[in-house]
Amino acid sequence: MKKILSQEIKIGQTARTSKQITQTNLTLFAAVTGDFNPVHFDPVYSAKTRFKNPIAYGMIAAGLVSGLMGMNLPGPGNVYLQQALNFLNPVKVHDVVTACV
């Protein structure tokens, strides 16, 4: 059974958001997920990794897509069923991430 949406996505429609990643974002994400991986918090630990510095959770950036889809494209209440991700570069605290769908 297909549920008909009251508001469908139209060809060419886009939504965009930008967010500066903060230390508070990392702390809150860790509290929700239980992921306290030291690569996100410990400068001594992360210095020994290929990143050389603490990095943000990739799923915070991916979550921006979820926010856009759930609130802006096509509008509040939308739920999407699939997302494929490739993380090409690390995100660090103070970086600005832009998601566009």
N, C-alpha and C. Protein backbone atom coordinates (compact mmCIF):
# COMPACT_ATOMS: atom_id res chain seq x y z
N MET A 1 0.84 -1.16 0.00
CA MET A 1 0.00 0.00 0.00
C MET A 1 0.89 1.24 0.00
N LYS A 2 0.65 2.16 -0.91
CA LYS A 2 1.42 3.39 -1.00
C LYS A 2 0.66 4.50 -0.29
N LYS A 3 1.35 5.17 0.61
CA LYS A 3 0.74 6.31 1.28
C LYS A 3 0.97 7.54 0.41
N ILE A 4 -0.05 8.27 0.12
CA ILE A 4 0.04 9.47 -0.68
C ILE A 4 0.41 10.63 0.24
N LEU A 5 1.50 11.31 -0.09
CA LEU A 5 1.91 12.48 0.68
C LEU A 5 1.10 13.69 0.25
N SER A 6 0.77 14.52 1.20
CA SER A 6 0.02 15.73 0.86
C SER A 6 0.92 16.73 0.14
N GLN A 7 2.20 16.58 0.33
CA GLN A 7 3.15 17.50 -0.30
C GLN A 7 4.30 16.67 -0.88
N GLU A 8 4.39 16.56 -2.19
CA GLU A 8 5.40 15.75 -2.85
C GLU A 8 6.62 16.60 -3.21
N ILE A 9 7.78 15.97 -3.28
CA ILE A 9 8.98 16.65 -3.76
C ILE A 9 8.83 16.87 -5.25
N LYS A 10 9.21 18.05 -5.69
CA LYS A 10 9.12 18.39 -7.10
C LYS A 10 10.51 18.42 -7.72
N ILE A 11 10.63 18.03 -8.96
CA ILE A 11 11.91 18.05 -9.67
C ILE A 11 12.51 19.45 -9.60
N GLY A 12 13.77 19.51 -9.22
CA GLY A 12 14.48 20.77 -9.14
C GLY A 12 14.40 21.45 -7.77
N GLN A 13 13.55 20.94 -6.89
CA GLN A 13 13.40 21.52 -5.56
C GLN A 13 14.65 21.21 -4.74
N THR A 14 15.16 22.19 -4.00
CA THR A 14 16.34 21.98 -3.15
C THR A 14 16.12 22.59 -1.77
N ALA A 15 16.94 22.16 -0.86
CA ALA A 15 16.98 22.75 0.48
C ALA A 15 18.44 22.74 0.91
N ARG A 16 18.83 23.74 1.69
CA ARG A 16 20.23 23.89 2.10
C ARG A 16 20.29 24.41 3.52
N THR A 17 21.29 23.94 4.27
CA THR A 17 21.55 24.46 5.60
C THR A 17 23.05 24.41 5.88
N SER A 18 23.52 25.29 6.72
CA SER A 18 24.92 25.30 7.15
C SER A 18 24.95 25.34 8.67
N LYS A 19 25.97 24.70 9.23
CA LYS A 19 26.12 24.67 10.69
C LYS A 19 27.59 24.67 11.05
N GLN A 20 27.96 25.51 11.99
CA GLN A 20 29.31 25.45 12.53
C GLN A 20 29.33 24.39 13.62
N ILE A 21 30.25 23.46 13.52
CA ILE A 21 30.35 22.36 14.48
C ILE A 21 31.05 22.86 15.74
N THR A 22 30.44 22.60 16.89
CA THR A 22 31.00 23.06 18.17
C THR A 22 31.35 21.86 19.05
N GLN A 23 32.13 22.13 20.07
CA GLN A 23 32.46 21.09 21.05
C GLN A 23 31.19 20.60 21.74
N THR A 24 30.25 21.50 21.96
CA THR A 24 28.98 21.12 22.57
C THR A 24 28.23 20.12 21.69
N ASN A 25 28.28 20.31 20.36
CA ASN A 25 27.64 19.33 19.46
C ASN A 25 28.22 17.95 19.68
N LEU A 26 29.56 17.84 19.81
CA LEU A 26 30.20 16.55 20.02
C LEU A 26 29.78 15.94 21.35
N THR A 27 29.75 16.76 22.39
CA THR A 27 29.38 16.28 23.72
C THR A 27 27.94 15.77 23.74
N LEU A 28 27.04 16.52 23.12
CA LEU A 28 25.63 16.09 23.08
C LEU A 28 25.45 14.82 22.26
N PHE A 29 26.15 14.73 21.13
CA PHE A 29 26.07 13.53 20.29
C PHE A 29 26.57 12.32 21.07
N ALA A 30 27.68 12.48 21.77
CA ALA A 30 28.21 11.37 22.58
C ALA A 30 27.23 10.95 23.66
N ALA A 31 26.58 11.92 24.28
CA ALA A 31 25.61 11.60 25.33
C ALA A 31 24.43 10.82 24.79
N VAL A 32 23.98 11.15 23.59
CA VAL A 32 22.83 10.46 22.99
C VAL A 32 23.22 9.06 22.51
N THR A 33 24.38 8.94 21.88
CA THR A 33 24.76 7.68 21.23
C THR A 33 25.58 6.75 22.12
N GLY A 34 26.22 7.30 23.15
CA GLY A 34 27.12 6.50 23.97
C GLY A 34 28.49 6.31 23.33
N ASP A 35 28.75 7.02 22.25
CA ASP A 35 30.03 6.92 21.53
C ASP A 35 31.00 7.97 22.05
N PHE A 36 31.85 7.57 22.96
CA PHE A 36 32.84 8.47 23.55
C PHE A 36 34.24 8.15 23.01
N ASN A 37 34.31 7.76 21.76
CA ASN A 37 35.58 7.44 21.09
C ASN A 37 36.57 8.59 21.33
N PRO A 38 37.77 8.28 21.83
CA PRO A 38 38.73 9.34 22.14
C PRO A 38 39.20 10.14 20.92
N VAL A 39 39.01 9.62 19.72
CA VAL A 39 39.41 10.39 18.54
C VAL A 39 38.58 11.68 18.42
N HIS A 40 37.46 11.74 19.11
CA HIS A 40 36.61 12.92 19.07
C HIS A 40 36.89 13.90 20.21
N PHE A 41 37.59 13.45 21.25
CA PHE A 41 37.73 14.28 22.44
C PHE A 41 39.16 14.44 22.96
N ASP A 42 40.02 13.50 22.70
CA ASP A 42 41.34 13.47 23.34
C ASP A 42 42.43 13.87 22.36
N PRO A 43 43.00 15.08 22.52
CA PRO A 43 44.05 15.54 21.60
C PRO A 43 45.30 14.65 21.60
N VAL A 44 45.65 14.09 22.75
CA VAL A 44 46.82 13.21 22.82
C VAL A 44 46.56 11.93 22.03
N TYR A 45 45.39 11.34 22.23
CA TYR A 45 45.03 10.13 21.49
C TYR A 45 44.95 10.42 20.00
N SER A 46 44.21 11.46 19.64
CA SER A 46 43.99 11.74 18.22
C SER A 46 45.27 12.16 17.49
N ALA A 47 46.25 12.67 18.21
CA ALA A 47 47.54 13.03 17.60
C ALA A 47 48.23 11.81 17.02
N LYS A 48 47.90 10.63 17.54
CA LYS A 48 48.51 9.38 17.07
C LYS A 48 47.74 8.76 15.90
N THR A 49 46.64 9.40 15.50
CA THR A 49 45.84 8.88 14.39
C THR A 49 46.20 9.61 13.10
N ARG A 50 45.65 9.15 12.00
CA ARG A 50 45.92 9.81 10.72
C ARG A 50 45.33 11.21 10.65
N PHE A 51 44.42 11.53 11.58
CA PHE A 51 43.78 12.84 11.58
C PHE A 51 44.60 13.90 12.31
N LYS A 52 45.45 13.47 13.25
CA LYS A 52 46.38 14.33 14.01
C LYS A 52 45.71 15.25 15.02
N ASN A 53 44.41 15.44 14.92
CA ASN A 53 43.63 16.28 15.84
C ASN A 53 42.28 15.62 16.05
N PRO A 54 41.57 16.00 17.12
CA PRO A 54 40.21 15.48 17.29
C PRO A 54 39.33 15.83 16.09
N ILE A 55 38.46 14.91 15.74
CA ILE A 55 37.54 15.12 14.63
C ILE A 55 36.10 15.02 15.14
N ALA A 56 35.20 15.62 14.38
CA ALA A 56 33.78 15.54 14.71
C ALA A 56 33.22 14.21 14.23
N TYR A 57 32.09 13.84 14.76
CA TYR A 57 31.38 12.65 14.29
C TYR A 57 30.85 12.92 12.89
N GLY A 58 31.12 12.02 11.97
CA GLY A 58 30.59 12.17 10.62
C GLY A 58 29.07 12.17 10.60
N MET A 59 28.47 11.49 11.54
CA MET A 59 27.02 11.40 11.56
C MET A 59 26.36 12.71 11.97
N ILE A 60 27.10 13.63 12.56
CA ILE A 60 26.53 14.96 12.81
C ILE A 60 26.28 15.64 11.47
N ALA A 61 27.27 15.58 10.59
CA ALA A 61 27.10 16.16 9.25
C ALA A 61 25.98 15.45 8.50
N ALA A 62 25.94 14.13 8.58
CA ALA A 62 24.88 13.36 7.91
C ALA A 62 23.51 13.72 8.48
N GLY A 63 23.47 14.03 9.76
CA GLY A 63 22.22 14.41 10.40
C GLY A 63 21.63 15.69 9.84
N LEU A 64 22.48 16.55 9.28
CA LEU A 64 21.96 17.77 8.65
C LEU A 64 21.05 17.41 7.48
N VAL A 65 21.40 16.34 6.76
CA VAL A 65 20.56 15.88 5.66
C VAL A 65 19.20 15.42 6.21
N SER A 66 19.24 14.69 7.31
CA SER A 66 18.00 14.23 7.92
C SER A 66 17.11 15.40 8.31
N GLY A 67 17.71 16.43 8.87
CA GLY A 67 16.94 17.62 9.24
C GLY A 67 16.31 18.30 8.05
N LEU A 68 17.07 18.40 6.96
CA LEU A 68 16.52 19.01 5.75
C LEU A 68 15.37 18.20 5.19
N MET A 69 15.55 16.89 5.14
CA MET A 69 14.51 16.03 4.57
C MET A 69 13.27 15.99 5.47
N GLY A 70 13.46 16.02 6.76
CA GLY A 70 12.33 15.92 7.67
C GLY A 70 11.57 17.21 7.87
N MET A 71 12.24 18.35 7.59
CA MET A 71 11.60 19.63 7.87
C MET A 71 11.43 20.55 6.66
N ASN A 72 12.26 20.36 5.62
CA ASN A 72 12.25 21.33 4.53
C ASN A 72 11.94 20.77 3.15
N LEU A 73 12.21 19.51 2.93
CA LEU A 73 12.07 18.96 1.58
C LEU A 73 11.29 17.66 1.63
N PRO A 74 10.04 17.60 1.36
CA PRO A 74 9.23 18.71 0.88
C PRO A 74 8.67 19.58 2.00
N GLY A 75 8.67 19.07 3.24
CA GLY A 75 8.16 19.86 4.35
C GLY A 75 8.07 19.00 5.60
N PRO A 76 7.66 19.61 6.72
CA PRO A 76 7.59 18.88 7.98
C PRO A 76 6.80 17.58 7.87
N GLY A 77 7.37 16.55 8.46
CA GLY A 77 6.70 15.24 8.47
C GLY A 77 7.26 14.26 7.46
N ASN A 78 8.08 14.73 6.52
CA ASN A 78 8.67 13.82 5.54
C ASN A 78 9.60 12.84 6.25
N VAL A 79 9.57 11.61 5.85
CA VAL A 79 10.49 10.58 6.34
C VAL A 79 11.11 9.92 5.11
N TYR A 80 12.43 9.91 5.05
CA TYR A 80 13.08 9.22 3.94
C TYR A 80 13.62 7.89 4.42
N LEU A 81 13.80 6.97 3.50
CA LEU A 81 14.07 5.58 3.87
C LEU A 81 15.48 5.11 3.59
N GLN A 82 16.28 5.91 2.91
CA GLN A 82 17.62 5.43 2.57
C GLN A 82 18.56 6.60 2.39
N GLN A 83 19.82 6.38 2.79
CA GLN A 83 20.86 7.38 2.62
C GLN A 83 22.18 6.65 2.47
N ALA A 84 22.96 7.00 1.46
CA ALA A 84 24.29 6.43 1.27
C ALA A 84 25.32 7.53 1.53
N LEU A 85 26.37 7.20 2.26
CA LEU A 85 27.34 8.20 2.68
C LEU A 85 28.76 7.81 2.29
N ASN A 86 29.53 8.79 1.91
CA ASN A 86 30.97 8.66 1.73
C ASN A 86 31.61 9.84 2.45
N PHE A 87 32.46 9.57 3.41
CA PHE A 87 33.14 10.63 4.15
C PHE A 87 34.51 10.85 3.50
N LEU A 88 34.67 11.97 2.82
CA LEU A 88 35.89 12.23 2.06
C LEU A 88 36.97 12.93 2.88
N ASN A 89 36.55 13.74 3.83
CA ASN A 89 37.49 14.48 4.68
C ASN A 89 36.91 14.59 6.08
N PRO A 90 37.78 14.68 7.08
CA PRO A 90 37.26 14.82 8.44
C PRO A 90 36.71 16.22 8.67
N VAL A 91 35.74 16.30 9.55
CA VAL A 91 35.20 17.57 10.02
C VAL A 91 35.75 17.79 11.41
N LYS A 92 36.15 19.02 11.69
CA LYS A 92 36.71 19.35 13.00
C LYS A 92 35.86 20.42 13.67
N VAL A 93 36.03 20.56 14.98
CA VAL A 93 35.33 21.60 15.71
C VAL A 93 35.67 22.95 15.08
N HIS A 94 34.68 23.77 14.93
CA HIS A 94 34.72 25.12 14.31
C HIS A 94 34.55 25.08 12.81
N ASP A 95 34.64 23.91 12.16
CA ASP A 95 34.36 23.83 10.73
C ASP A 95 32.88 24.14 10.49
N VAL A 96 32.60 24.72 9.32
CA VAL A 96 31.22 24.94 8.91
C VAL A 96 30.88 23.89 7.86
N VAL A 97 29.81 23.15 8.12
CA VAL A 97 29.36 22.10 7.21
C VAL A 97 28.09 22.58 6.52
N THR A 98 28.03 22.41 5.21
CA THR A 98 26.84 22.76 4.45
C THR A 98 26.26 21.50 3.83
N ALA A 99 24.97 21.30 4.04
CA ALA A 99 24.27 20.17 3.42
C ALA A 99 23.26 20.75 2.43
N CYS A 100 23.23 20.13 1.26
CA CYS A 100 22.27 20.56 0.23
C CYS A 100 21.65 19.31 -0.36
N VAL A 101 20.32 19.27 -0.35
CA VAL A 101 19.59 18.16 -0.94
C VAL A 101 18.62 18.70 -1.97
